[in-house]
Amino acid sequence: MKKITLQDGFQLEVEENRLDNMELVDAMSDLVDGENALAMSRVVRALLGDKTKKALYAHLKTEDGRVPTEKVGNAITEVMNALGQQGKN
């Protein structure tokens, strides 16, 4: 498990082996290619799992009950960067 602290102070744990998942790669490819913007949900689930996804959404939820897609995207980018840094060490 890799403990990650996001820039806003939110802490989460991610299993490093979640990166070794072809379904994650496929979902990320759909996002990058612009084929399916809805693939972000699949990326989040594949990378974080349901429990951590739920915690992240609760953390990012606005006062009016929305979970902004941009904030989720930024958080996932931070998680991916943190996991990538571990691979470099």
C-alpha atoms as a PDB file:
ATOM      1  CA  MET A   1       0.000   0.000   0.000  1.00  0.00           C
ATOM      2  CA  LYS A   2       1.203   3.467  -0.866  1.00  0.00           C
ATOM      3  CA  LYS A   3       0.104   6.300   1.432  1.00  0.00           C
ATOM      4  CA  ILE A   4      -0.531   9.477  -0.536  1.00  0.00           C
ATOM      5  CA  THR A   5      -1.330  12.962   0.702  1.00  0.00           C
ATOM      6  CA  LEU A   6      -2.954  15.228  -1.854  1.00  0.00           C
ATOM      7  CA  GLN A   7      -2.124  18.926  -2.051  1.00  0.00           C
ATOM      8  CA  ASP A   8      -5.322  19.790  -0.180  1.00  0.00           C
ATOM      9  CA  GLY A   9      -4.248  17.526   2.711  1.00  0.00           C
ATOM     10  CA  PHE A  10      -6.543  14.567   1.971  1.00  0.00           C
ATOM     11  CA  GLN A  11      -4.805  11.268   2.700  1.00  0.00           C
ATOM     12  CA  LEU A  12      -5.502   7.985   0.983  1.00  0.00           C
ATOM     13  CA  GLU A  13      -3.912   4.611   0.468  1.00  0.00           C
ATOM     14  CA  VAL A  14      -3.595   2.975  -2.930  1.00  0.00           C
ATOM     15  CA  GLU A  15      -2.383  -0.508  -3.752  1.00  0.00           C
ATOM     16  CA  GLU A  16       0.559  -0.128  -6.111  1.00  0.00           C
ATOM     17  CA  ASN A  17      -0.536  -3.176  -8.107  1.00  0.00           C
ATOM     18  CA  ARG A  18      -3.655  -1.290  -9.253  1.00  0.00           C
ATOM     19  CA  LEU A  19      -1.484   0.246 -11.982  1.00  0.00           C
ATOM     20  CA  ASP A  20      -0.961  -3.222 -13.448  1.00  0.00           C
ATOM     21  CA  ASN A  21      -4.485  -3.426 -14.836  1.00  0.00           C
ATOM     22  CA  MET A  22      -5.311  -3.418 -18.521  1.00  0.00           C
ATOM     23  CA  GLU A  23      -8.825  -2.115 -17.804  1.00  0.00           C
ATOM     24  CA  LEU A  24      -7.239   0.958 -16.210  1.00  0.00           C
ATOM     25  CA  VAL A  25      -5.038   1.405 -19.272  1.00  0.00           C
ATOM     26  CA  ASP A  26      -8.061   1.066 -21.584  1.00  0.00           C
ATOM     27  CA  ALA A  27     -10.065   3.633 -19.595  1.00  0.00           C
ATOM     28  CA  MET A  28      -7.132   6.050 -19.554  1.00  0.00           C
ATOM     29  CA  SER A  29      -6.692   5.593 -23.285  1.00  0.00           C
ATOM     30  CA  ASP A  30     -10.351   6.465 -23.849  1.00  0.00           C
ATOM     31  CA  LEU A  31      -9.843   9.678 -21.872  1.00  0.00           C
ATOM     32  CA  VAL A  32      -6.626  10.697 -23.607  1.00  0.00           C
ATOM     33  CA  ASP A  33      -7.984   9.952 -27.076  1.00  0.00           C
ATOM     34  CA  GLY A  34     -11.138  11.901 -26.259  1.00  0.00           C
ATOM     35  CA  GLU A  35     -13.227   8.884 -27.206  1.00  0.00           C
ATOM     36  CA  ASN A  36     -15.160   8.758 -23.955  1.00  0.00           C
ATOM     37  CA  ALA A  37     -15.050  11.481 -21.315  1.00  0.00           C
ATOM     38  CA  LEU A  38     -17.183   9.242 -19.115  1.00  0.00           C
ATOM     39  CA  ALA A  39     -14.218   6.873 -18.819  1.00  0.00           C
ATOM     40  CA  MET A  40     -13.016   8.993 -15.866  1.00  0.00           C
ATOM     41  CA  SER A  41     -15.383   7.043 -13.628  1.00  0.00           C
ATOM     42  CA  ARG A  42     -13.779   3.759 -14.739  1.00  0.00           C
ATOM     43  CA  VAL A  43     -10.298   5.210 -14.147  1.00  0.00           C
ATOM     44  CA  VAL A  44     -11.210   6.291 -10.613  1.00  0.00           C
ATOM     45  CA  ARG A  45     -12.724   2.916  -9.714  1.00  0.00           C
ATOM     46  CA  ALA A  46      -9.853   0.904 -11.230  1.00  0.00           C
ATOM     47  CA  LEU A  47      -7.192   3.042  -9.549  1.00  0.00           C
ATOM     48  CA  LEU A  48      -8.747   3.610  -6.127  1.00  0.00           C
ATOM     49  CA  GLY A  49     -11.293   0.857  -5.589  1.00  0.00           C
ATOM     50  CA  ASP A  50     -14.808   1.510  -4.356  1.00  0.00           C
ATOM     51  CA  LYS A  51     -14.009   2.310  -0.713  1.00  0.00           C
ATOM     52  CA  THR A  52     -11.312   4.901  -1.451  1.00  0.00           C
ATOM     53  CA  LYS A  53     -13.340   6.334  -4.331  1.00  0.00           C
ATOM     54  CA  LYS A  54     -16.258   6.900  -1.961  1.00  0.00           C
ATOM     55  CA  ALA A  55     -13.972   8.609   0.580  1.00  0.00           C
ATOM     56  CA  LEU A  56     -12.447  10.858  -2.087  1.00  0.00           C
ATOM     57  CA  TYR A  57     -15.876  11.857  -3.399  1.00  0.00           C
ATOM     58  CA  ALA A  58     -17.057  12.647   0.136  1.00  0.00           C
ATOM     59  CA  HIS A  59     -13.961  14.802   0.642  1.00  0.00           C
ATOM     60  CA  LEU A  60     -14.453  16.691  -2.631  1.00  0.00           C
ATOM     61  CA  LYS A  61     -18.224  17.145  -2.329  1.00  0.00           C
ATOM     62  CA  THR A  62     -19.358  20.759  -2.428  1.00  0.00           C
ATOM     63  CA  GLU A  63     -21.898  22.320  -0.092  1.00  0.00           C
ATOM     64  CA  ASP A  64     -24.600  21.809  -2.711  1.00  0.00           C
ATOM     65  CA  GLY A  65     -23.827  18.083  -2.938  1.00  0.00           C
ATOM     66  CA  ARG A  66     -21.860  17.949  -6.189  1.00  0.00           C
ATOM     67  CA  VAL A  67     -18.514  16.228  -6.732  1.00  0.00           C
ATOM     68  CA  PRO A  68     -16.766  18.457  -9.307  1.00  0.00           C
ATOM     69  CA  THR A  69     -15.246  16.484 -12.159  1.00  0.00           C
ATOM     70  CA  GLU A  70     -12.268  18.837 -12.385  1.00  0.00           C
ATOM     71  CA  LYS A  71     -11.373  18.246  -8.735  1.00  0.00           C
ATOM     72  CA  VAL A  72     -11.631  14.481  -9.214  1.00  0.00           C
ATOM     73  CA  GLY A  73      -9.411  14.699 -12.283  1.00  0.00           C
ATOM     74  CA  ASN A  74      -6.843  16.767 -10.403  1.00  0.00           C
ATOM     75  CA  ALA A  75      -6.843  14.292  -7.499  1.00  0.00           C
ATOM     76  CA  ILE A  76      -6.365  11.328  -9.853  1.00  0.00           C
ATOM     77  CA  THR A  77      -3.486  13.136 -11.545  1.00  0.00           C
ATOM     78  CA  GLU A  78      -1.855  13.666  -8.140  1.00  0.00           C
ATOM     79  CA  VAL A  79      -2.318   9.989  -7.269  1.00  0.00           C
ATOM     80  CA  MET A  80      -0.853   8.853 -10.591  1.00  0.00           C
ATOM     81  CA  ASN A  81       2.115  11.213 -10.146  1.00  0.00           C
ATOM     82  CA  ALA A  82       2.720   9.953  -6.610  1.00  0.00           C
ATOM     83  CA  LEU A  83       2.625   6.335  -7.756  1.00  0.00           C
ATOM     84  CA  GLY A  84       4.935   7.197 -10.647  1.00  0.00           C
ATOM     85  CA  GLN A  85       7.413   8.850  -8.308  1.00  0.00           C
ATOM     86  CA  GLN A  86       7.552   5.674  -6.251  1.00  0.00           C
ATOM     87  CA  GLY A  87       8.505   3.757  -9.372  1.00  0.00           C
ATOM     88  CA  LYS A  88      11.409   6.147  -9.955  1.00  0.00           C
ATOM     89  CA  ASN A  89      12.768   5.693  -6.414  1.00  0.00           C
END
